[in-house]
Amino acid sequence: MAWLRFAALLLLVPPAQTFPQPIEDSCAVRRPDLVELVLLDSTIRLDIRYATANNFVGQPVYSQPRAFLQRPAALALLKAHRMLLEKGYGLLVFDGYRPWSVTKKFWEVTPAPLRKFVANPAKGSRHNRGCAVDLTLYDRRTGRPVPMPSAYDDFTDQASPWYEGGTEAERKMRDLLICVMEGEGFTVESSEWWHFDYKDWREYRILDIPFEKMN
């Protein structure tokens, strides 16, 4: 039903705007050092929706199904993953570093009532800095994603990390994910239980490097 509501709201999408590259942040003092997550640990799993048509845009926006983070964020994520492995779970990553041009595309195709779920390209996003990650849990025994109160990229109140609906088991798994990630220096996004920002995101500049140019 969420997808049907989104499709109806597409009729409200305003004309495309022209956005210059965001102004450099004076706090962005670190050099980029993006790390490919699966190279850190092969048990970190990927489901890069934006490299497929299975996303809210309805078409691929990434050329390759890969996920990167700045090195400190990547190492913190690795610690969280290994802690979860001890509990019988692992991290399943939907998205990491996102080129700025993709953020611009998301903004242009998203209806105004739903733009709280996407970053304004005039400011750039923490994904653009390589310091945000979208993820969930998978069960090590079955290899399947763990049920959560909402699906990924759900544009409803069910996506809130404090949503009180769903089953007790779903809320328990969501809260476990949040607890472990926040213990390693990440903060959950207020409207998306799957989105986590790393604490040092302000120290990195906005990037627009396509995946095919990454080493």
Protein backbone atom coordinates (compact mmCIF):
# COMPACT_ATOMS: atom_id res chain seq x y z
CA MET A 1 0.00 0.00 0.00
CA ALA A 2 2.88 2.37 0.71
CA TRP A 3 4.05 1.99 -2.89
CA LEU A 4 0.56 2.75 -4.20
CA ARG A 5 0.43 5.93 -2.15
CA PHE A 6 3.85 6.92 -3.46
CA ALA A 7 2.76 6.29 -7.07
CA ALA A 8 -0.27 8.52 -6.56
CA LEU A 9 1.87 11.29 -5.12
CA LEU A 10 4.18 11.23 -8.13
CA LEU A 11 1.56 13.38 -9.82
CA LEU A 12 2.55 16.12 -7.35
CA VAL A 13 6.25 16.16 -8.26
CA PRO A 14 7.25 19.77 -9.05
CA PRO A 15 9.37 20.71 -12.07
CA ALA A 16 13.05 19.78 -11.80
CA GLN A 17 15.31 22.40 -10.21
CA THR A 18 18.88 23.27 -11.04
CA PHE A 19 21.27 22.66 -8.15
CA PRO A 20 24.92 23.70 -8.17
CA GLN A 21 27.40 21.45 -6.38
CA PRO A 22 27.01 22.19 -2.63
CA ILE A 23 29.40 24.67 -1.06
CA GLU A 24 32.34 23.07 0.76
CA ASP A 25 31.86 22.78 4.51
CA SER A 26 34.68 24.39 6.53
CA CYS A 27 34.51 21.41 8.91
CA ALA A 28 35.34 18.97 6.11
CA VAL A 29 39.04 18.62 6.92
CA ARG A 30 39.63 14.90 6.33
CA ARG A 31 40.72 13.41 3.05
CA PRO A 32 38.31 10.83 1.61
CA ASP A 33 39.26 7.21 2.34
CA LEU A 34 36.35 5.11 1.16
CA VAL A 35 36.49 1.41 1.97
CA GLU A 36 34.44 -1.31 0.26
CA LEU A 37 32.54 -3.04 3.05
CA VAL A 38 32.56 -6.62 1.77
CA LEU A 39 36.36 -6.52 1.62
CA LEU A 40 36.48 -6.07 5.40
CA ASP A 41 34.46 -9.21 6.13
CA SER A 42 32.83 -11.52 3.59
CA THR A 43 29.94 -12.21 6.00
CA ILE A 44 28.72 -8.61 5.62
CA ARG A 45 25.96 -9.11 3.08
CA LEU A 46 24.64 -6.71 0.43
CA ASP A 47 21.23 -5.99 -1.06
CA ILE A 48 21.99 -2.84 -3.05
CA ARG A 49 18.48 -1.92 -4.16
CA TYR A 50 19.60 1.17 -6.04
CA ALA A 51 21.56 -1.00 -8.47
CA THR A 52 18.24 -2.66 -9.39
CA ALA A 53 14.71 -1.58 -10.28
CA ASN A 54 13.54 -2.70 -6.81
CA ASN A 55 13.55 0.77 -5.27
CA PHE A 56 11.27 3.78 -4.99
CA VAL A 57 12.61 5.28 -8.23
CA GLY A 58 11.69 2.11 -10.12
CA GLN A 59 14.99 1.95 -12.03
CA PRO A 60 18.70 1.41 -11.31
CA VAL A 61 20.58 4.54 -10.25
CA TYR A 62 23.88 2.80 -9.43
CA SER A 63 26.01 1.19 -12.10
CA GLN A 64 27.29 -1.50 -9.73
CA PRO A 65 25.94 -3.23 -6.57
CA ARG A 66 28.64 -2.04 -4.17
CA ALA A 67 28.79 -0.34 -0.75
CA PHE A 68 31.49 1.96 0.65
CA LEU A 69 32.05 4.00 3.82
CA GLN A 70 34.84 6.25 5.05
CA ARG A 71 37.40 4.08 6.83
CA PRO A 72 36.55 5.02 10.47
CA ALA A 73 32.84 4.44 9.80
CA ALA A 74 33.58 1.18 7.99
CA LEU A 75 35.68 -0.13 10.89
CA ALA A 76 32.98 0.86 13.37
CA LEU A 77 30.41 -0.98 11.27
CA LEU A 78 32.69 -4.02 11.24
CA LYS A 79 32.75 -4.00 15.07
CA ALA A 80 28.95 -3.84 15.15
CA HIS A 81 28.71 -6.69 12.65
CA ARG A 82 31.03 -8.94 14.65
CA MET A 83 29.12 -8.23 17.85
CA LEU A 84 25.90 -9.24 16.08
CA LEU A 85 27.51 -12.42 14.74
CA GLU A 86 27.91 -13.56 18.34
CA LYS A 87 24.15 -13.15 18.77
CA GLY A 88 23.31 -15.15 15.66
CA TYR A 89 22.78 -12.24 13.27
CA GLY A 90 24.72 -10.25 10.71
CA LEU A 91 24.44 -6.96 8.84
CA LEU A 92 22.70 -6.75 5.47
CA VAL A 93 23.61 -3.46 3.78
CA PHE A 94 21.23 -1.65 1.45
CA ASP A 95 23.33 1.46 0.79
CA GLY A 96 26.45 3.29 1.91
CA TYR A 97 28.32 6.07 0.12
CA ARG A 98 26.01 7.69 -2.44
CA PRO A 99 27.25 9.99 -5.24
CA TRP A 100 25.79 13.50 -5.01
CA SER A 101 24.23 13.24 -8.47
CA VAL A 102 22.06 10.37 -7.20
CA THR A 103 20.86 12.49 -4.26
CA LYS A 104 19.89 15.15 -6.80
CA LYS A 105 17.90 12.58 -8.78
CA PHE A 106 16.09 11.35 -5.66
CA TRP A 107 15.05 14.90 -4.79
CA GLU A 108 13.75 15.57 -8.28
CA VAL A 109 11.54 12.44 -8.42
CA THR A 110 10.19 12.63 -4.86
CA PRO A 111 6.84 14.38 -4.27
CA ALA A 112 7.04 17.39 -1.95
CA PRO A 113 5.00 15.71 0.86
CA LEU A 114 7.60 12.92 1.05
CA ARG A 115 10.81 14.95 0.79
CA LYS A 116 11.48 14.55 4.51
CA PHE A 117 12.69 11.08 3.52
CA VAL A 118 15.35 12.33 1.06
CA ALA A 119 18.23 14.80 1.36
CA ASN A 120 18.12 18.24 -0.23
CA PRO A 121 20.91 18.29 -2.85
CA ALA A 122 21.51 21.97 -2.12
CA LYS A 123 22.98 20.83 1.21
CA GLY A 124 24.09 17.34 0.23
CA SER A 125 23.68 14.30 2.44
CA ARG A 126 25.68 12.23 4.88
CA HIS A 127 25.53 9.43 2.34
CA ASN A 128 27.35 11.78 -0.05
CA ARG A 129 30.11 12.13 2.55
CA GLY A 130 30.49 8.36 2.93
CA CYS A 131 29.34 8.51 6.55
CA ALA A 132 25.80 7.11 6.34
CA VAL A 133 24.67 3.53 5.88
CA ASP A 134 21.28 1.89 5.32
CA LEU A 135 21.06 -1.65 6.66
CA THR A 136 19.14 -4.36 8.46
CA LEU A 137 19.82 -7.71 10.11
CA TYR A 138 19.95 -11.17 8.60
CA ASP A 139 19.63 -14.47 10.46
CA ARG A 140 22.87 -16.47 10.27
CA ARG A 141 21.02 -19.79 10.42
CA THR A 142 18.70 -19.14 7.50
CA GLY A 143 20.55 -16.38 5.65
CA ARG A 144 17.27 -14.49 5.40
CA PRO A 145 16.57 -10.86 6.40
CA VAL A 146 15.05 -10.51 9.86
CA PRO A 147 11.45 -9.17 9.85
CA MET A 148 11.25 -5.51 10.90
CA PRO A 149 8.25 -3.21 11.57
CA SER A 150 8.49 -1.87 8.02
CA ALA A 151 10.21 -2.60 4.74
CA TYR A 152 13.27 -0.65 3.61
CA ASP A 153 12.44 2.75 2.07
CA ASP A 154 8.94 2.70 3.50
CA PHE A 155 7.46 6.20 3.30
CA THR A 156 5.11 5.79 6.27
CA ASP A 157 5.18 6.20 10.04
CA GLN A 158 6.09 2.51 10.32
CA ALA A 159 9.63 3.49 9.27
CA SER A 160 10.16 5.48 12.46
CA PRO A 161 12.66 3.90 14.88
CA TRP A 162 10.09 4.57 17.62
CA TYR A 163 7.05 3.11 15.86
CA GLU A 164 5.08 1.08 18.39
CA GLY A 165 3.17 -1.11 15.93
CA GLY A 166 4.20 -4.34 14.27
CA THR A 167 4.97 -7.42 16.32
CA GLU A 168 6.99 -7.57 19.51
CA ALA A 169 9.61 -9.69 17.72
CA GLU A 170 9.96 -7.10 14.92
CA ARG A 171 10.41 -4.26 17.39
CA LYS A 172 12.93 -6.31 19.37
CA MET A 173 15.09 -6.89 16.29
CA ARG A 174 14.87 -3.24 15.25
CA ASP A 175 15.88 -2.13 18.74
CA LEU A 176 18.78 -4.61 18.79
CA LEU A 177 20.09 -3.19 15.51
CA ILE A 178 19.82 0.38 16.79
CA CYS A 179 21.45 -0.45 20.14
CA VAL A 180 24.46 -2.17 18.58
CA MET A 181 24.99 0.48 15.89
CA GLU A 182 24.70 3.38 18.34
CA GLY A 183 27.19 1.61 20.59
CA GLU A 184 29.76 1.96 17.80
CA GLY A 185 29.30 5.68 17.14
CA PHE A 186 26.32 5.74 14.77
CA THR A 187 23.04 7.61 15.25
CA VAL A 188 19.73 6.37 13.84
CA GLU A 189 17.78 8.71 11.55
CA SER A 190 14.56 9.96 13.18
CA SER A 191 12.27 8.81 10.35
CA GLU A 192 14.13 5.68 9.14
CA TRP A 193 15.06 2.77 11.42
CA TRP A 194 17.52 1.46 8.78
CA HIS A 195 19.53 4.70 8.31
CA PHE A 196 22.57 5.39 10.51
CA ASP A 197 24.95 8.37 10.45
CA TYR A 198 28.52 8.08 11.71
CA LYS A 199 29.64 10.56 14.35
CA ASP A 200 32.44 12.19 12.28
CA TRP A 201 30.35 12.88 9.16
CA ARG A 202 30.96 16.66 9.27
CA GLU A 203 34.70 16.11 8.77
CA TYR A 204 34.26 14.75 5.23
CA ARG A 205 33.33 16.65 2.11
CA ILE A 206 30.51 15.84 -0.29
CA LEU A 207 31.60 13.53 -3.12
CA ASP A 208 30.22 12.71 -6.55
CA ILE A 209 32.41 9.79 -7.62
CA PRO A 210 30.52 7.06 -9.54
CA PHE A 211 31.08 3.48 -8.43
CA GLU A 212 32.77 2.45 -11.68
CA LYS A 213 35.61 4.87 -10.87
CA MET A 214 36.20 3.43 -7.39
CA ASN A 215 39.22 1.18 -6.94
